[in-house]
Amino acid sequence: MKLKYFLIGGLGFMLTGGILAVSSYKFGTLKSFTWDNGPKLIDMAQDFQTIPSTEKIKKIIIHAEHQQVQITRGLDFEVQTSYEKAYKPQVSVDGQTLSIEANAKERNVWISLEDNTPSITLTIPKDLSLSEIKIEGDDSYFGLTELASEKITTKTYGGTLLLDSVEGKSAKIEDMQGNVTINHSTIQKMAVTGRNSRFYLEDLTHKQSVFEVENSSIDLFSKNELGLDIQLSGSSTVTKDNENLALKTVLDGKDNLKITGYDSNVNIYHEEENMEEY
């Protein structure tokens, strides 16, 4: 009998959600449905802002939770946002600093008739030189593409960070339980820490970098021999082109990368045929 009532109740919730979603689509308002102490329709909105060239922005600070953030080069300085109306991102300029605060609420979408992912797209003029990019966020995607900044600082938890074709003098990257990918980038000096993280590095040019990891993995892809100083302990592994190496390994080659930590895996791929497999 209890099962019968449970099934009837569940069917009622589904029917309620379907009716709300269909009616919202019909009247051109809400197109997504979630459950938050009862049925709730997600009201999304979009915003577009242009940053005047007179602002002379040098520093960018972004704090985001449950967002998809893309920063790239373009013709004009623009900020495009898509958000749930109750959680509108705050965009402000103070002196030469552009700040974006975007804290969406984590939710389970049951029915979706449109893209309801909160997102930020920041377009930076190609001729703009930045002194610093600072990023912080939880459960978010951050994609930085074709950017140049003297200093890059990131602190992420449970999300994804992508640096693609990025140039900088220094970078400080802190991650916990996330994925970090650095491709085709030139960063002179990096300090990276990871806990329960996964790192992918391909075609990275640098002079001196230090990785400190715990319960993490690092995949290094390069066509050249890498200069590495690996000092791992615990339940760790080190491989080069799928062959096991000692946990304390020093390799001569281009650049200077030091990796320390425990209970972590380092995989080195320098042959082109091995790189094509990934």
C-alpha atoms as a PDB file:
ATOM      1  CA  MET A   1       0.000   0.000   0.000  1.00  0.00           C
ATOM      2  CA  LYS A   2       2.839   2.400   0.894  1.00  0.00           C
ATOM      3  CA  LEU A   3       4.473   1.662  -2.446  1.00  0.00           C
ATOM      4  CA  LYS A   4       1.223   2.499  -4.219  1.00  0.00           C
ATOM      5  CA  TYR A   5       0.996   5.906  -2.530  1.00  0.00           C
ATOM      6  CA  PHE A   6       4.662   6.536  -3.253  1.00  0.00           C
ATOM      7  CA  LEU A   7       4.212   5.810  -6.958  1.00  0.00           C
ATOM      8  CA  ILE A   8       1.070   7.942  -7.146  1.00  0.00           C
ATOM      9  CA  GLY A   9       2.869  10.802  -5.412  1.00  0.00           C
ATOM     10  CA  GLY A  10       5.854  10.520  -7.743  1.00  0.00           C
ATOM     11  CA  LEU A  11       3.568  10.506 -10.778  1.00  0.00           C
ATOM     12  CA  GLY A  12       1.841  13.604  -9.440  1.00  0.00           C
ATOM     13  CA  PHE A  13       5.161  15.434  -9.118  1.00  0.00           C
ATOM     14  CA  MET A  14       6.091  14.466 -12.680  1.00  0.00           C
ATOM     15  CA  LEU A  15       2.745  15.625 -14.043  1.00  0.00           C
ATOM     16  CA  THR A  16       3.029  18.907 -12.151  1.00  0.00           C
ATOM     17  CA  GLY A  17       6.497  19.485 -13.565  1.00  0.00           C
ATOM     18  CA  GLY A  18       5.355  18.639 -17.071  1.00  0.00           C
ATOM     19  CA  ILE A  19       2.378  20.992 -16.871  1.00  0.00           C
ATOM     20  CA  LEU A  20       4.543  23.840 -15.558  1.00  0.00           C
ATOM     21  CA  ALA A  21       7.204  23.295 -18.200  1.00  0.00           C
ATOM     22  CA  VAL A  22       4.718  23.108 -21.072  1.00  0.00           C
ATOM     23  CA  SER A  23       2.795  26.165 -19.880  1.00  0.00           C
ATOM     24  CA  SER A  24       6.001  28.153 -19.436  1.00  0.00           C
ATOM     25  CA  TYR A  25       7.130  27.253 -22.948  1.00  0.00           C
ATOM     26  CA  LYS A  26       3.716  28.234 -24.322  1.00  0.00           C
ATOM     27  CA  PHE A  27       3.820  31.675 -22.737  1.00  0.00           C
ATOM     28  CA  GLY A  28       7.474  32.276 -23.580  1.00  0.00           C
ATOM     29  CA  THR A  29       8.803  32.564 -20.026  1.00  0.00           C
ATOM     30  CA  LEU A  30      10.412  29.727 -18.063  1.00  0.00           C
ATOM     31  CA  LYS A  31      11.713  26.769 -19.982  1.00  0.00           C
ATOM     32  CA  SER A  32      13.411  24.750 -17.236  1.00  0.00           C
ATOM     33  CA  PHE A  33      12.000  23.004 -14.198  1.00  0.00           C
ATOM     34  CA  THR A  34      13.701  22.037 -10.957  1.00  0.00           C
ATOM     35  CA  TRP A  35      12.692  20.819  -7.510  1.00  0.00           C
ATOM     36  CA  ASP A  36      13.519  23.041  -4.540  1.00  0.00           C
ATOM     37  CA  ASN A  37      11.119  22.346  -1.656  1.00  0.00           C
ATOM     38  CA  GLY A  38       8.480  22.008  -4.342  1.00  0.00           C
ATOM     39  CA  PRO A  39       8.290  22.501  -8.121  1.00  0.00           C
ATOM     40  CA  LYS A  40      10.149  25.567  -9.348  1.00  0.00           C
ATOM     41  CA  LEU A  41      10.587  27.052 -12.791  1.00  0.00           C
ATOM     42  CA  ILE A  42      13.999  28.514 -13.613  1.00  0.00           C
ATOM     43  CA  ASP A  43      13.777  32.055 -14.938  1.00  0.00           C
ATOM     44  CA  MET A  44      16.901  32.765 -16.990  1.00  0.00           C
ATOM     45  CA  ALA A  45      18.043  36.162 -18.230  1.00  0.00           C
ATOM     46  CA  GLN A  46      20.884  37.521 -20.324  1.00  0.00           C
ATOM     47  CA  ASP A  47      22.930  40.675 -20.014  1.00  0.00           C
ATOM     48  CA  PHE A  48      25.513  42.404 -22.193  1.00  0.00           C
ATOM     49  CA  GLN A  49      27.925  45.097 -21.092  1.00  0.00           C
ATOM     50  CA  THR A  50      30.631  47.009 -22.930  1.00  0.00           C
ATOM     51  CA  ILE A  51      33.638  48.257 -20.985  1.00  0.00           C
ATOM     52  CA  PRO A  52      34.714  51.667 -22.365  1.00  0.00           C
ATOM     53  CA  SER A  53      38.317  51.918 -23.562  1.00  0.00           C
ATOM     54  CA  THR A  54      38.719  54.938 -21.287  1.00  0.00           C
ATOM     55  CA  GLU A  55      38.701  52.617 -18.254  1.00  0.00           C
ATOM     56  CA  LYS A  56      42.264  51.374 -19.008  1.00  0.00           C
ATOM     57  CA  ILE A  57      41.730  47.994 -17.334  1.00  0.00           C
ATOM     58  CA  LYS A  58      44.925  46.256 -16.160  1.00  0.00           C
ATOM     59  CA  LYS A  59      43.620  43.686 -13.664  1.00  0.00           C
ATOM     60  CA  ILE A  60      40.738  41.215 -13.848  1.00  0.00           C
ATOM     61  CA  ILE A  61      39.244  39.459 -10.813  1.00  0.00           C
ATOM     62  CA  ILE A  62      36.566  36.775 -11.188  1.00  0.00           C
ATOM     63  CA  HIS A  63      34.866  34.820  -8.422  1.00  0.00           C
ATOM     64  CA  ALA A  64      32.371  32.253  -9.686  1.00  0.00           C
ATOM     65  CA  GLU A  65      30.404  29.339  -8.282  1.00  0.00           C
ATOM     66  CA  HIS A  66      28.474  26.856 -10.451  1.00  0.00           C
ATOM     67  CA  GLN A  67      29.304  28.848 -13.571  1.00  0.00           C
ATOM     68  CA  GLN A  68      30.777  28.393 -17.017  1.00  0.00           C
ATOM     69  CA  VAL A  69      33.360  31.127 -17.533  1.00  0.00           C
ATOM     70  CA  GLN A  70      35.149  31.820 -20.811  1.00  0.00           C
ATOM     71  CA  ILE A  71      37.821  34.514 -21.226  1.00  0.00           C
ATOM     72  CA  THR A  72      39.189  35.138 -24.691  1.00  0.00           C
ATOM     73  CA  ARG A  73      40.501  37.778 -27.097  1.00  0.00           C
ATOM     74  CA  GLY A  74      38.344  39.813 -29.469  1.00  0.00           C
ATOM     75  CA  LEU A  75      37.784  43.244 -30.934  1.00  0.00           C
ATOM     76  CA  ASP A  76      35.951  44.950 -28.075  1.00  0.00           C
ATOM     77  CA  PHE A  77      35.926  44.739 -24.281  1.00  0.00           C
ATOM     78  CA  GLU A  78      32.642  42.961 -23.521  1.00  0.00           C
ATOM     79  CA  VAL A  79      30.971  40.973 -20.763  1.00  0.00           C
ATOM     80  CA  GLN A  80      28.094  38.647 -21.651  1.00  0.00           C
ATOM     81  CA  THR A  81      26.245  36.837 -18.880  1.00  0.00           C
ATOM     82  CA  SER A  82      23.464  34.276 -18.730  1.00  0.00           C
ATOM     83  CA  TYR A  83      22.005  33.731 -15.285  1.00  0.00           C
ATOM     84  CA  GLU A  84      19.031  32.799 -13.167  1.00  0.00           C
ATOM     85  CA  LYS A  85      17.288  36.072 -12.332  1.00  0.00           C
ATOM     86  CA  ALA A  86      17.660  35.568  -8.600  1.00  0.00           C
ATOM     87  CA  TYR A  87      21.449  35.303  -8.987  1.00  0.00           C
ATOM     88  CA  LYS A  88      22.541  38.085 -11.313  1.00  0.00           C
ATOM     89  CA  PRO A  89      26.349  38.445 -11.591  1.00  0.00           C
ATOM     90  CA  GLN A  90      27.832  41.694 -10.342  1.00  0.00           C
ATOM     91  CA  VAL A  91      30.192  43.461 -12.741  1.00  0.00           C
ATOM     92  CA  SER A  92      32.117  46.464 -11.462  1.00  0.00           C
ATOM     93  CA  VAL A  93      35.116  48.635 -12.320  1.00  0.00           C
ATOM     94  CA  ASP A  94      37.271  50.179  -9.622  1.00  0.00           C
ATOM     95  CA  GLY A  95      40.232  52.120 -10.947  1.00  0.00           C
ATOM     96  CA  GLN A  96      42.015  49.794 -13.372  1.00  0.00           C
ATOM     97  CA  THR A  97      40.411  46.635 -11.957  1.00  0.00           C
ATOM     98  CA  LEU A  98      37.437  44.815 -13.484  1.00  0.00           C
ATOM     99  CA  SER A  99      35.670  42.540 -10.983  1.00  0.00           C
ATOM    100  CA  ILE A 100      32.991  39.935 -11.675  1.00  0.00           C
ATOM    101  CA  GLU A 101      31.148  38.179  -8.841  1.00  0.00           C
ATOM    102  CA  ALA A 102      28.864  35.352  -9.955  1.00  0.00           C
ATOM    103  CA  ASN A 103      27.485  32.934  -7.382  1.00  0.00           C
ATOM    104  CA  ALA A 104      24.763  30.701  -8.732  1.00  0.00           C
ATOM    105  CA  LYS A 105      22.935  28.073  -6.722  1.00  0.00           C
ATOM    106  CA  GLU A 106      23.575  24.405  -7.289  1.00  0.00           C
ATOM    107  CA  ARG A 107      20.391  22.755  -8.518  1.00  0.00           C
ATOM    108  CA  ASN A 108      19.100  19.553 -10.053  1.00  0.00           C
ATOM    109  CA  VAL A 109      17.222  20.283 -13.258  1.00  0.00           C
ATOM    110  CA  TRP A 110      14.462  17.780 -13.985  1.00  0.00           C
ATOM    111  CA  ILE A 111      13.060  19.195 -17.204  1.00  0.00           C
ATOM    112  CA  SER A 112      14.934  21.584 -19.495  1.00  0.00           C
ATOM    113  CA  LEU A 113      13.731  23.062 -22.779  1.00  0.00           C
ATOM    114  CA  GLU A 114      16.638  25.517 -23.074  1.00  0.00           C
ATOM    115  CA  ASP A 115      20.249  25.938 -21.993  1.00  0.00           C
ATOM    116  CA  ASN A 116      20.026  26.922 -18.331  1.00  0.00           C
ATOM    117  CA  THR A 117      23.740  26.879 -17.452  1.00  0.00           C
ATOM    118  CA  PRO A 118      24.827  30.146 -15.807  1.00  0.00           C
ATOM    119  CA  SER A 119      27.663  31.506 -17.929  1.00  0.00           C
ATOM    120  CA  ILE A 120      30.050  34.413 -18.324  1.00  0.00           C
ATOM    121  CA  THR A 121      31.879  35.279 -21.524  1.00  0.00           C
ATOM    122  CA  LEU A 122      34.525  37.952 -21.142  1.00  0.00           C
ATOM    123  CA  THR A 123      36.078  39.274 -24.339  1.00  0.00           C
ATOM    124  CA  ILE A 124      39.308  41.250 -24.019  1.00  0.00           C
ATOM    125  CA  PRO A 125      40.664  43.487 -26.810  1.00  0.00           C
ATOM    126  CA  LYS A 126      43.663  41.989 -28.600  1.00  0.00           C
ATOM    127  CA  ASP A 127      45.829  45.039 -27.958  1.00  0.00           C
ATOM    128  CA  LEU A 128      45.130  45.177 -24.206  1.00  0.00           C
ATOM    129  CA  SER A 129      48.052  44.304 -21.929  1.00  0.00           C
ATOM    130  CA  LEU A 130      47.047  42.912 -18.513  1.00  0.00           C
ATOM    131  CA  SER A 131      49.106  42.942 -15.322  1.00  0.00           C
ATOM    132  CA  GLU A 132      47.064  40.277 -13.515  1.00  0.00           C
ATOM    133  CA  ILE A 133      44.226  37.797 -13.927  1.00  0.00           C
ATOM    134  CA  LYS A 134      42.863  36.397 -10.666  1.00  0.00           C
ATOM    135  CA  ILE A 135      40.283  33.598 -10.618  1.00  0.00           C
ATOM    136  CA  GLU A 136      38.517  31.853  -7.749  1.00  0.00           C
ATOM    137  CA  GLY A 137      35.630  29.432  -7.916  1.00  0.00           C
ATOM    138  CA  ASP A 138      33.870  26.239  -6.923  1.00  0.00           C
ATOM    139  CA  ASP A 139      32.293  23.672  -9.252  1.00  0.00           C
ATOM    140  CA  SER A 140      32.858  25.881 -12.284  1.00  0.00           C
ATOM    141  CA  TYR A 141      34.492  25.749 -15.691  1.00  0.00           C
ATOM    142  CA  PHE A 142      37.120  28.387 -16.416  1.00  0.00           C
ATOM    143  CA  GLY A 143      38.497  28.606 -19.940  1.00  0.00           C
ATOM    144  CA  LEU A 144      41.286  31.104 -20.680  1.00  0.00           C
ATOM    145  CA  THR A 145      42.216  31.253 -24.354  1.00  0.00           C
ATOM    146  CA  GLU A 146      44.804  33.329 -26.228  1.00  0.00           C
ATOM    147  CA  LEU A 147      45.475  35.638 -23.290  1.00  0.00           C
ATOM    148  CA  ALA A 148      48.563  37.499 -22.087  1.00  0.00           C
ATOM    149  CA  SER A 149      49.006  38.614 -18.483  1.00  0.00           C
ATOM    150  CA  GLU A 150      52.106  39.233 -16.401  1.00  0.00           C
ATOM    151  CA  LYS A 151      50.599  37.383 -13.443  1.00  0.00           C
ATOM    152  CA  ILE A 152      47.967  34.637 -13.323  1.00  0.00           C
ATOM    153  CA  THR A 153      46.452  33.421 -10.049  1.00  0.00           C
ATOM    154  CA  THR A 154      43.794  30.707  -9.791  1.00  0.00           C
ATOM    155  CA  LYS A 155      42.169  28.907  -6.870  1.00  0.00           C
ATOM    156  CA  THR A 156      39.595  26.306  -7.874  1.00  0.00           C
ATOM    157  CA  TYR A 157      37.631  23.499  -6.260  1.00  0.00           C
ATOM    158  CA  GLY A 158      35.797  20.662  -7.964  1.00  0.00           C
ATOM    159  CA  GLY A 159      35.728  22.174 -11.439  1.00  0.00           C
ATOM    160  CA  THR A 160      37.772  22.529 -14.619  1.00  0.00           C
ATOM    161  CA  LEU A 161      40.492  25.023 -15.481  1.00  0.00           C
ATOM    162  CA  LEU A 162      41.818  25.368 -19.032  1.00  0.00           C
ATOM    163  CA  LEU A 163      44.751  27.561 -20.051  1.00  0.00           C
ATOM    164  CA  ASP A 164      45.111  27.410 -23.829  1.00  0.00           C
ATOM    165  CA  SER A 165      47.647  29.553 -25.704  1.00  0.00           C
ATOM    166  CA  VAL A 166      48.273  31.700 -22.640  1.00  0.00           C
ATOM    167  CA  GLU A 167      51.363  33.842 -22.032  1.00  0.00           C
ATOM    168  CA  GLY A 168      52.566  35.076 -18.657  1.00  0.00           C
ATOM    169  CA  LYS A 169      55.586  35.785 -16.505  1.00  0.00           C
ATOM    170  CA  SER A 170      54.259  33.903 -13.484  1.00  0.00           C
ATOM    171  CA  ALA A 171      51.328  31.722 -12.474  1.00  0.00           C
ATOM    172  CA  LYS A 172      50.123  30.446  -9.115  1.00  0.00           C
ATOM    173  CA  ILE A 173      47.611  27.635  -9.500  1.00  0.00           C
ATOM    174  CA  GLU A 174      45.819  25.966  -6.583  1.00  0.00           C
ATOM    175  CA  ASP A 175      43.308  23.195  -7.192  1.00  0.00           C
ATOM    176  CA  MET A 176      41.379  20.663  -5.160  1.00  0.00           C
ATOM    177  CA  GLN A 177      39.334  17.821  -6.673  1.00  0.00           C
ATOM    178  CA  GLY A 178      39.369  19.348 -10.147  1.00  0.00           C
ATOM    179  CA  ASN A 179      40.906  19.078 -13.614  1.00  0.00           C
ATOM    180  CA  VAL A 180      43.584  21.462 -14.850  1.00  0.00           C
ATOM    181  CA  THR A 181      44.742  21.544 -18.484  1.00  0.00           C
ATOM    182  CA  ILE A 182      47.539  23.772 -19.785  1.00  0.00           C
ATOM    183  CA  ASN A 183      48.084  23.643 -23.556  1.00  0.00           C
ATOM    184  CA  HIS A 184      50.388  25.499 -25.957  1.00  0.00           C
ATOM    185  CA  SER A 185      51.231  28.104 -23.336  1.00  0.00           C
ATOM    186  CA  THR A 186      54.343  30.051 -22.350  1.00  0.00           C
ATOM    187  CA  ILE A 187      54.560  30.804 -18.634  1.00  0.00           C
ATOM    188  CA  GLN A 188      58.023  31.579 -17.328  1.00  0.00           C
ATOM    189  CA  LYS A 189      57.507  30.508 -13.726  1.00  0.00           C
ATOM    190  CA  MET A 190      54.728  28.422 -12.185  1.00  0.00           C
ATOM    191  CA  ALA A 191      53.867  27.338  -8.649  1.00  0.00           C
ATOM    192  CA  VAL A 192      51.165  24.649  -8.691  1.00  0.00           C
ATOM    193  CA  THR A 193      49.503  22.752  -5.861  1.00  0.00           C
ATOM    194  CA  GLY A 194      46.936  20.010  -6.252  1.00  0.00           C
ATOM    195  CA  ARG A 195      44.985  17.765  -3.945  1.00  0.00           C
ATOM    196  CA  ASN A 196      42.881  15.005  -5.492  1.00  0.00           C
ATOM    197  CA  SER A 197      43.479  16.797  -8.783  1.00  0.00           C
ATOM    198  CA  ARG A 198      44.305  15.830 -12.338  1.00  0.00           C
ATOM    199  CA  PHE A 199      46.729  17.843 -14.460  1.00  0.00           C
ATOM    200  CA  TYR A 200      47.327  17.705 -18.219  1.00  0.00           C
ATOM    201  CA  LEU A 201      50.300  19.632 -19.598  1.00  0.00           C
ATOM    202  CA  GLU A 202      51.042  19.734 -23.324  1.00  0.00           C
ATOM    203  CA  ASP A 203      53.467  21.902 -25.263  1.00  0.00           C
ATOM    204  CA  LEU A 204      54.205  24.035 -22.206  1.00  0.00           C
ATOM    205  CA  THR A 205      57.162  26.426 -22.365  1.00  0.00           C
ATOM    206  CA  HIS A 206      58.587  27.605 -19.050  1.00  0.00           C
ATOM    207  CA  LYS A 207      61.876  28.229 -17.250  1.00  0.00           C
ATOM    208  CA  GLN A 208      61.135  27.112 -13.731  1.00  0.00           C
ATOM    209  CA  SER A 209      58.048  25.459 -12.269  1.00  0.00           C
ATOM    210  CA  VAL A 210      57.211  23.583  -9.084  1.00  0.00           C
ATOM    211  CA  PHE A 211      54.308  21.164  -8.575  1.00  0.00           C
ATOM    212  CA  GLU A 212      53.277  19.991  -5.106  1.00  0.00           C
ATOM    213  CA  VAL A 213      50.646  17.261  -5.274  1.00  0.00           C
ATOM    214  CA  GLU A 214      48.702  14.884  -3.054  1.00  0.00           C
ATOM    215  CA  ASN A 215      46.530  12.025  -4.354  1.00  0.00           C
ATOM    216  CA  SER A 216      46.798  13.537  -7.811  1.00  0.00           C
ATOM    217  CA  SER A 217      47.937  12.694 -11.333  1.00  0.00           C
ATOM    218  CA  ILE A 218      50.059  14.637 -13.798  1.00  0.00           C
ATOM    219  CA  ASP A 219      50.233  13.817 -17.512  1.00  0.00           C
ATOM    220  CA  LEU A 220      53.079  15.543 -19.369  1.00  0.00           C
ATOM    221  CA  PHE A 221      53.067  15.621 -23.161  1.00  0.00           C
ATOM    222  CA  SER A 222      56.086  16.969 -25.050  1.00  0.00           C
ATOM    223  CA  LYS A 223      57.968  16.298 -28.276  1.00  0.00           C
ATOM    224  CA  ASN A 224      61.212  17.280 -26.517  1.00  0.00           C
ATOM    225  CA  GLU A 225      63.029  15.699 -23.596  1.00  0.00           C
ATOM    226  CA  LEU A 226      61.856  17.429 -20.429  1.00  0.00           C
ATOM    227  CA  GLY A 227      64.094  18.532 -17.589  1.00  0.00           C
ATOM    228  CA  LEU A 228      62.455  16.971 -14.535  1.00  0.00           C
ATOM    229  CA  ASP A 229      63.195  16.559 -10.855  1.00  0.00           C
ATOM    230  CA  ILE A 230      60.572  14.163  -9.486  1.00  0.00           C
ATOM    231  CA  GLN A 231      60.458  13.393  -5.766  1.00  0.00           C
ATOM    232  CA  LEU A 232      57.420  11.285  -4.866  1.00  0.00           C
ATOM    233  CA  SER A 233      56.610   8.950  -1.986  1.00  0.00           C
ATOM    234  CA  GLY A 234      53.833   6.700  -0.734  1.00  0.00           C
ATOM    235  CA  SER A 235      51.627   4.869  -3.238  1.00  0.00           C
ATOM    236  CA  SER A 236      52.970   6.785  -6.216  1.00  0.00           C
ATOM    237  CA  THR A 237      54.057   5.839  -9.730  1.00  0.00           C
ATOM    238  CA  VAL A 238      56.258   7.452 -12.370  1.00  0.00           C
ATOM    239  CA  THR A 239      56.197   6.334 -16.006  1.00  0.00           C
ATOM    240  CA  LYS A 240      57.880   7.524 -19.182  1.00  0.00           C
ATOM    241  CA  ASP A 241      56.313   6.340 -22.413  1.00  0.00           C
ATOM    242  CA  ASN A 242      54.532   3.654 -20.360  1.00  0.00           C
ATOM    243  CA  GLU A 243      57.762   2.366 -18.755  1.00  0.00           C
ATOM    244  CA  ASN A 244      58.118   2.526 -14.982  1.00  0.00           C
ATOM    245  CA  LEU A 245      60.692   4.833 -13.406  1.00  0.00           C
ATOM    246  CA  ALA A 246      61.843   5.315  -9.827  1.00  0.00           C
ATOM    247  CA  LEU A 247      59.764   7.555  -7.563  1.00  0.00           C
ATOM    248  CA  LYS A 248      62.817   9.772  -7.201  1.00  0.00           C
ATOM    249  CA  THR A 249      63.906  10.532 -10.752  1.00  0.00           C
ATOM    250  CA  VAL A 250      65.976  13.302 -12.309  1.00  0.00           C
ATOM    251  CA  LEU A 251      65.873  13.750 -16.090  1.00  0.00           C
ATOM    252  CA  ASP A 252      68.014  16.149 -18.087  1.00  0.00           C
ATOM    253  CA  GLY A 253      66.324  18.154 -20.787  1.00  0.00           C
ATOM    254  CA  LYS A 254      64.596  21.348 -21.766  1.00  0.00           C
ATOM    255  CA  ASP A 255      63.074  23.539 -19.053  1.00  0.00           C
ATOM    256  CA  ASN A 256      63.147  22.911 -15.316  1.00  0.00           C
ATOM    257  CA  LEU A 257      60.140  21.252 -13.692  1.00  0.00           C
ATOM    258  CA  LYS A 258      60.156  19.954 -10.130  1.00  0.00           C
ATOM    259  CA  ILE A 259      57.394  17.671  -8.867  1.00  0.00           C
ATOM    260  CA  THR A 260      57.051  16.703  -5.208  1.00  0.00           C
ATOM    261  CA  GLY A 261      54.284  14.907  -3.342  1.00  0.00           C
ATOM    262  CA  TYR A 262      52.847  11.576  -2.324  1.00  0.00           C
ATOM    263  CA  ASP A 263      50.225   9.048  -3.394  1.00  0.00           C
ATOM    264  CA  SER A 264      50.337  10.542  -6.884  1.00  0.00           C
ATOM    265  CA  ASN A 265      51.034   9.473 -10.467  1.00  0.00           C
ATOM    266  CA  VAL A 266      53.276  11.171 -13.020  1.00  0.00           C
ATOM    267  CA  ASN A 267      53.095  10.039 -16.644  1.00  0.00           C
ATOM    268  CA  ILE A 268      55.541  11.405 -19.228  1.00  0.00           C
ATOM    269  CA  TYR A 269      54.899  11.128 -22.952  1.00  0.00           C
ATOM    270  CA  HIS A 270      57.498  12.621 -25.275  1.00  0.00           C
ATOM    271  CA  GLU A 271      57.213  10.443 -28.355  1.00  0.00           C
ATOM    272  CA  GLU A 272      54.841  11.720 -31.013  1.00  0.00           C
ATOM    273  CA  GLU A 273      53.140   8.368 -31.486  1.00  0.00           C
ATOM    274  CA  ASN A 274      52.331   8.211 -27.773  1.00  0.00           C
ATOM    275  CA  MET A 275      50.912  11.730 -27.801  1.00  0.00           C
ATOM    276  CA  GLU A 276      48.542  10.869 -30.636  1.00  0.00           C
ATOM    277  CA  GLU A 277      46.894   8.224 -28.447  1.00  0.00           C
ATOM    278  CA  TYR A 278      45.650  10.877 -25.989  1.00  0.00           C
END
